[in-house]
């Protein structure tokens, strides 16, 4: 779970469980959806470690 601006991002596809937890906690939810990643997102995630490694070289 992480917060992005005014959004709360929960990394699970189980929207029913997220909604149930929010209701029990008394949290108002205005929008709840599953974010789908595309091919570009998958590539960036797969190569992120290599990019970080290169940035650390002298």
PDB file of N, CA and C in Angstrom:
ATOM      1  N   UNK A   1       0.848  -1.160   0.000  1.00  0.00           N
ATOM      2  CA  UNK A   1       0.000   0.000   0.000  1.00  0.00           C
ATOM      3  C   UNK A   1       0.899   1.230   0.000  1.00  0.00           C
ATOM      4  N   UNK A   2       0.541   2.222  -0.824  1.00  0.00           N
ATOM      5  CA  UNK A   2       1.281   3.478  -0.859  1.00  0.00           C
ATOM      6  C   UNK A   2       0.333   4.597  -1.226  1.00  0.00           C
ATOM      7  N   UNK A   3       0.718   5.820  -0.911  1.00  0.00           N
ATOM      8  CA  UNK A   3      -0.120   6.966  -1.233  1.00  0.00           C
ATOM      9  C   UNK A   3       0.501   7.754  -2.371  1.00  0.00           C
ATOM     10  N   UNK A   4      -0.303   8.071  -3.368  1.00  0.00           N
ATOM     11  CA  UNK A   4       0.112   8.889  -4.508  1.00  0.00           C
ATOM     12  C   UNK A   4      -0.812  10.096  -4.547  1.00  0.00           C
ATOM     13  N   UNK A   5      -0.282  11.264  -4.234  1.00  0.00           N
ATOM     14  CA  UNK A   5      -1.078  12.504  -4.192  1.00  0.00           C
ATOM     15  C   UNK A   5      -2.282  12.274  -3.276  1.00  0.00           C
ATOM     16  N   UNK A   6      -3.482  12.395  -3.809  1.00  0.00           N
ATOM     17  CA  UNK A   6      -4.687  12.181  -3.002  1.00  0.00           C
ATOM     18  C   UNK A   6      -5.218  10.765  -3.151  1.00  0.00           C
ATOM     19  N   UNK A   7      -4.463   9.903  -3.812  1.00  0.00           N
ATOM     20  CA  UNK A   7      -4.885   8.523  -4.045  1.00  0.00           C
ATOM     21  C   UNK A   7      -4.189   7.584  -3.068  1.00  0.00           C
ATOM     22  N   UNK A   8      -4.852   6.514  -2.759  1.00  0.00           N
ATOM     23  CA  UNK A   8      -4.254   5.437  -1.985  1.00  0.00           C
ATOM     24  C   UNK A   8      -4.182   4.231  -2.903  1.00  0.00           C
ATOM     25  N   UNK A   9      -2.994   3.719  -3.127  1.00  0.00           N
ATOM     26  CA  UNK A   9      -2.797   2.599  -4.044  1.00  0.00           C
ATOM     27  C   UNK A   9      -2.586   1.335  -3.220  1.00  0.00           C
ATOM     28  N   UNK A  10      -3.436   0.355  -3.436  1.00  0.00           N
ATOM     29  CA  UNK A  10      -3.346  -0.933  -2.764  1.00  0.00           C
ATOM     30  C   UNK A  10      -3.004  -1.954  -3.833  1.00  0.00           C
ATOM     31  N   UNK A  11      -1.921  -2.666  -3.657  1.00  0.00           N
ATOM     32  CA  UNK A  11      -1.453  -3.579  -4.701  1.00  0.00           C
ATOM     33  C   UNK A  11      -2.077  -4.965  -4.551  1.00  0.00           C
ATOM     34  N   UNK A  12      -3.335  -5.048  -4.964  1.00  0.00           N
ATOM     35  CA  UNK A  12      -4.079  -6.298  -5.019  1.00  0.00           C
ATOM     36  C   UNK A  12      -5.197  -6.127  -6.037  1.00  0.00           C
ATOM     37  N   UNK A  13      -5.626  -7.205  -6.627  1.00  0.00           N
ATOM     38  CA  UNK A  13      -6.741  -7.147  -7.571  1.00  0.00           C
ATOM     39  C   UNK A  13      -8.070  -7.470  -6.896  1.00  0.00           C
ATOM     40  N   UNK A  14      -8.048  -7.714  -5.594  1.00  0.00           N
ATOM     41  CA  UNK A  14      -9.243  -8.100  -4.848  1.00  0.00           C
ATOM     42  C   UNK A  14      -9.982  -6.852  -4.363  1.00  0.00           C
ATOM     43  N   UNK A  15     -10.736  -6.210  -5.275  1.00  0.00           N
ATOM     44  CA  UNK A  15     -11.421  -4.968  -4.930  1.00  0.00           C
ATOM     45  C   UNK A  15     -12.514  -5.172  -3.881  1.00  0.00           C
ATOM     46  N   UNK A  16     -13.139  -6.334  -3.874  1.00  0.00           N
ATOM     47  CA  UNK A  16     -14.176  -6.602  -2.867  1.00  0.00           C
ATOM     48  C   UNK A  16     -13.585  -6.593  -1.460  1.00  0.00           C
ATOM     49  N   UNK A  17     -12.424  -7.178  -1.294  1.00  0.00           N
ATOM     50  CA  UNK A  17     -11.776  -7.199   0.026  1.00  0.00           C
ATOM     51  C   UNK A  17     -11.355  -5.795   0.441  1.00  0.00           C
ATOM     52  N   UNK A  18     -10.804  -5.024  -0.498  1.00  0.00           N
ATOM     53  CA  UNK A  18     -10.402  -3.646  -0.199  1.00  0.00           C
ATOM     54  C   UNK A  18     -11.620  -2.836   0.247  1.00  0.00           C
ATOM     55  N   UNK A  19     -12.727  -2.977  -0.462  1.00  0.00           N
ATOM     56  CA  UNK A  19     -13.948  -2.260  -0.097  1.00  0.00           C
ATOM     57  C   UNK A  19     -14.440  -2.668   1.284  1.00  0.00           C
ATOM     58  N   UNK A  20     -14.420  -3.959   1.583  1.00  0.00           N
ATOM     59  CA  UNK A  20     -14.868  -4.448   2.884  1.00  0.00           C
ATOM     60  C   UNK A  20     -13.996  -3.903   4.016  1.00  0.00           C
ATOM     61  N   UNK A  21     -12.688  -3.882   3.811  1.00  0.00           N
ATOM     62  CA  UNK A  21     -11.766  -3.347   4.825  1.00  0.00           C
ATOM     63  C   UNK A  21     -12.020  -1.860   5.015  1.00  0.00           C
ATOM     64  N   UNK A  22     -12.228  -1.142   3.940  1.00  0.00           N
ATOM     65  CA  UNK A  22     -12.498   0.294   4.035  1.00  0.00           C
ATOM     66  C   UNK A  22     -13.779   0.564   4.821  1.00  0.00           C
ATOM     67  N   UNK A  23     -14.818  -0.201   4.559  1.00  0.00           N
ATOM     68  CA  UNK A  23     -16.091  -0.028   5.274  1.00  0.00           C
ATOM     69  C   UNK A  23     -15.895  -0.290   6.762  1.00  0.00           C
ATOM     70  N   UNK A  24     -15.214  -1.381   7.104  1.00  0.00           N
ATOM     71  CA  UNK A  24     -14.980  -1.696   8.525  1.00  0.00           C
ATOM     72  C   UNK A  24     -14.162  -0.614   9.221  1.00  0.00           C
ATOM     73  N   UNK A  25     -13.263   0.038   8.475  1.00  0.00           N
ATOM     74  CA  UNK A  25     -12.421   1.086   9.056  1.00  0.00           C
ATOM     75  C   UNK A  25     -13.101   2.451   9.036  1.00  0.00           C
ATOM     76  N   UNK A  26     -14.279   2.534   8.435  1.00  0.00           N
ATOM     77  CA  UNK A  26     -14.988   3.802   8.370  1.00  0.00           C
ATOM     78  C   UNK A  26     -14.402   4.767   7.354  1.00  0.00           C
ATOM     79  N   UNK A  27     -13.738   4.230   6.341  1.00  0.00           N
ATOM     80  CA  UNK A  27     -13.111   5.053   5.311  1.00  0.00           C
ATOM     81  C   UNK A  27     -14.061   5.167   4.120  1.00  0.00           C
ATOM     82  N   UNK A  28     -14.344   6.410   3.715  1.00  0.00           N
ATOM     83  CA  UNK A  28     -15.190   6.633   2.541  1.00  0.00           C
ATOM     84  C   UNK A  28     -14.353   6.412   1.281  1.00  0.00           C
ATOM     85  N   UNK A  29     -14.868   5.595   0.386  1.00  0.00           N
ATOM     86  CA  UNK A  29     -14.181   5.317  -0.882  1.00  0.00           C
ATOM     87  C   UNK A  29     -15.022   5.919  -1.993  1.00  0.00           C
ATOM     88  N   UNK A  30     -14.399   6.814  -2.775  1.00  0.00           N
ATOM     89  CA  UNK A  30     -15.116   7.437  -3.888  1.00  0.00           C
ATOM     90  C   UNK A  30     -14.947   6.669  -5.180  1.00  0.00           C
ATOM     91  N   UNK A  31     -13.816   6.001  -5.334  1.00  0.00           N
ATOM     92  CA  UNK A  31     -13.564   5.249  -6.564  1.00  0.00           C
ATOM     93  C   UNK A  31     -12.644   4.084  -6.237  1.00  0.00           C
ATOM     94  N   UNK A  32     -12.938   2.952  -6.813  1.00  0.00           N
ATOM     95  CA  UNK A  32     -12.150   1.753  -6.582  1.00  0.00           C
ATOM     96  C   UNK A  32     -12.067   1.000  -7.900  1.00  0.00           C
ATOM     97  N   UNK A  33     -10.849   0.779  -8.381  1.00  0.00           N
ATOM     98  CA  UNK A  33     -10.700   0.089  -9.657  1.00  0.00           C
ATOM     99  C   UNK A  33      -9.373  -0.651  -9.693  1.00  0.00           C
ATOM    100  N   UNK A  34      -9.273  -1.576 -10.620  1.00  0.00           N
ATOM    101  CA  UNK A  34      -8.043  -2.332 -10.836  1.00  0.00           C
ATOM    102  C   UNK A  34      -7.293  -1.648 -11.967  1.00  0.00           C
ATOM    103  N   UNK A  35      -6.064  -1.265 -11.694  1.00  0.00           N
ATOM    104  CA  UNK A  35      -5.224  -0.634 -12.715  1.00  0.00           C
ATOM    105  C   UNK A  35      -4.500  -1.735 -13.478  1.00  0.00           C
ATOM    106  N   UNK A  36      -4.648  -1.727 -14.766  1.00  0.00           N
ATOM    107  CA  UNK A  36      -4.000  -2.728 -15.619  1.00  0.00           C
ATOM    108  C   UNK A  36      -2.692  -2.163 -16.159  1.00  0.00           C
ATOM    109  N   UNK A  37      -1.647  -2.951 -16.129  1.00  0.00           N
ATOM    110  CA  UNK A  37      -0.359  -2.543 -16.680  1.00  0.00           C
ATOM    111  C   UNK A  37      -0.264  -2.975 -18.134  1.00  0.00           C
ATOM    112  N   UNK A  38       0.380  -2.146 -18.910  1.00  0.00           N
ATOM    113  CA  UNK A  38       0.590  -2.460 -20.318  1.00  0.00           C
ATOM    114  C   UNK A  38       1.985  -3.024 -20.525  1.00  0.00           C
ATOM    115  N   UNK A  39       2.311  -3.289 -21.753  1.00  0.00           N
ATOM    116  CA  UNK A  39       3.607  -3.844 -22.110  1.00  0.00           C
ATOM    117  C   UNK A  39       4.734  -2.887 -21.722  1.00  0.00           C
ATOM    118  N   UNK A  40       4.532  -1.586 -21.918  1.00  0.00           N
ATOM    119  CA  UNK A  40       5.559  -0.605 -21.560  1.00  0.00           C
ATOM    120  C   UNK A  40       5.830  -0.620 -20.058  1.00  0.00           C
ATOM    121  N   UNK A  41       4.777  -0.694 -19.245  1.00  0.00           N
ATOM    122  CA  UNK A  41       4.946  -0.761 -17.790  1.00  0.00           C
ATOM    123  C   UNK A  41       5.723  -2.008 -17.383  1.00  0.00           C
ATOM    124  N   UNK A  42       5.420  -3.134 -18.007  1.00  0.00           N
ATOM    125  CA  UNK A  42       6.120  -4.380 -17.697  1.00  0.00           C
ATOM    126  C   UNK A  42       7.598  -4.276 -18.059  1.00  0.00           C
ATOM    127  N   UNK A  43       7.909  -3.682 -19.198  1.00  0.00           N
ATOM    128  CA  UNK A  43       9.303  -3.513 -19.612  1.00  0.00           C
ATOM    129  C   UNK A  43      10.051  -2.609 -18.645  1.00  0.00           C
ATOM    130  N   UNK A  44       9.452  -1.489 -18.279  1.00  0.00           N
ATOM    131  CA  UNK A  44      10.100  -0.560 -17.349  1.00  0.00           C
ATOM    132  C   UNK A  44      10.337  -1.211 -15.990  1.00  0.00           C
ATOM    133  N   UNK A  45       9.384  -1.987 -15.511  1.00  0.00           N
ATOM    134  CA  UNK A  45       9.555  -2.679 -14.241  1.00  0.00           C
ATOM    135  C   UNK A  45      10.672  -3.715 -14.328  1.00  0.00           C
ATOM    136  N   UNK A  46      10.741  -4.426 -15.453  1.00  0.00           N
ATOM    137  CA  UNK A  46      11.749  -5.481 -15.618  1.00  0.00           C
ATOM    138  C   UNK A  46      13.157  -4.910 -15.743  1.00  0.00           C
ATOM    139  N   UNK A  47      13.284  -3.718 -16.292  1.00  0.00           N
ATOM    140  CA  UNK A  47      14.611  -3.139 -16.508  1.00  0.00           C
ATOM    141  C   UNK A  47      14.985  -2.097 -15.462  1.00  0.00           C
ATOM    142  N   UNK A  48      14.148  -1.840 -14.489  1.00  0.00           N
ATOM    143  CA  UNK A  48      14.400  -0.798 -13.483  1.00  0.00           C
ATOM    144  C   UNK A  48      15.678  -1.055 -12.699  1.00  0.00           C
ATOM    145  N   UNK A  49      15.950  -2.288 -12.326  1.00  0.00           N
ATOM    146  CA  UNK A  49      17.157  -2.604 -11.553  1.00  0.00           C
ATOM    147  C   UNK A  49      18.407  -2.288 -12.351  1.00  0.00           C
ATOM    148  N   UNK A  50      18.408  -2.589 -13.635  1.00  0.00           N
ATOM    149  CA  UNK A  50      19.576  -2.306 -14.473  1.00  0.00           C
ATOM    150  C   UNK A  50      19.808  -0.810 -14.593  1.00  0.00           C
ATOM    151  N   UNK A  51      18.755  -0.049 -14.689  1.00  0.00           N
ATOM    152  CA  UNK A  51      18.882   1.405 -14.794  1.00  0.00           C
ATOM    153  C   UNK A  51      19.430   1.974 -13.492  1.00  0.00           C
ATOM    154  N   UNK A  52      18.933   1.505 -12.358  1.00  0.00           N
ATOM    155  CA  UNK A  52      19.437   1.975 -11.060  1.00  0.00           C
ATOM    156  C   UNK A  52      20.903   1.605 -10.903  1.00  0.00           C
ATOM    157  N   UNK A  53      21.274   0.402 -11.349  1.00  0.00           N
ATOM    158  CA  UNK A  53      22.650  -0.057 -11.223  1.00  0.00           C
ATOM    159  C   UNK A  53      23.590   0.837 -12.033  1.00  0.00           C
ATOM    160  N   UNK A  54      23.225   1.178 -13.234  1.00  0.00           N
ATOM    161  CA  UNK A  54      24.035   2.046 -14.085  1.00  0.00           C
ATOM    162  C   UNK A  54      24.179   3.433 -13.477  1.00  0.00           C
ATOM    163  N   UNK A  55      23.134   3.928 -12.843  1.00  0.00           N
ATOM    164  CA  UNK A  55      23.172   5.272 -12.261  1.00  0.00           C
ATOM    165  C   UNK A  55      24.148   5.350 -11.099  1.00  0.00           C
ATOM    166  N   UNK A  56      24.433   4.229 -10.470  1.00  0.00           N
ATOM    167  CA  UNK A  56      25.318   4.210  -9.305  1.00  0.00           C
ATOM    168  C   UNK A  56      26.800   4.051  -9.680  1.00  0.00           C
ATOM    169  N   UNK A  57      27.097   3.767 -10.939  1.00  0.00           N
ATOM    170  CA  UNK A  57      28.491   3.618 -11.353  1.00  0.00           C
ATOM    171  C   UNK A  57      29.202   4.957 -11.334  1.00  0.00           C
ATOM    172  N   UNK A  58      30.506   4.982 -10.989  1.00  0.00           N
ATOM    173  CA  UNK A  58      31.233   6.254 -10.958  1.00  0.00           C
ATOM    174  C   UNK A  58      31.464   6.818 -12.338  1.00  0.00           C
TER     175      UNK A  58
END
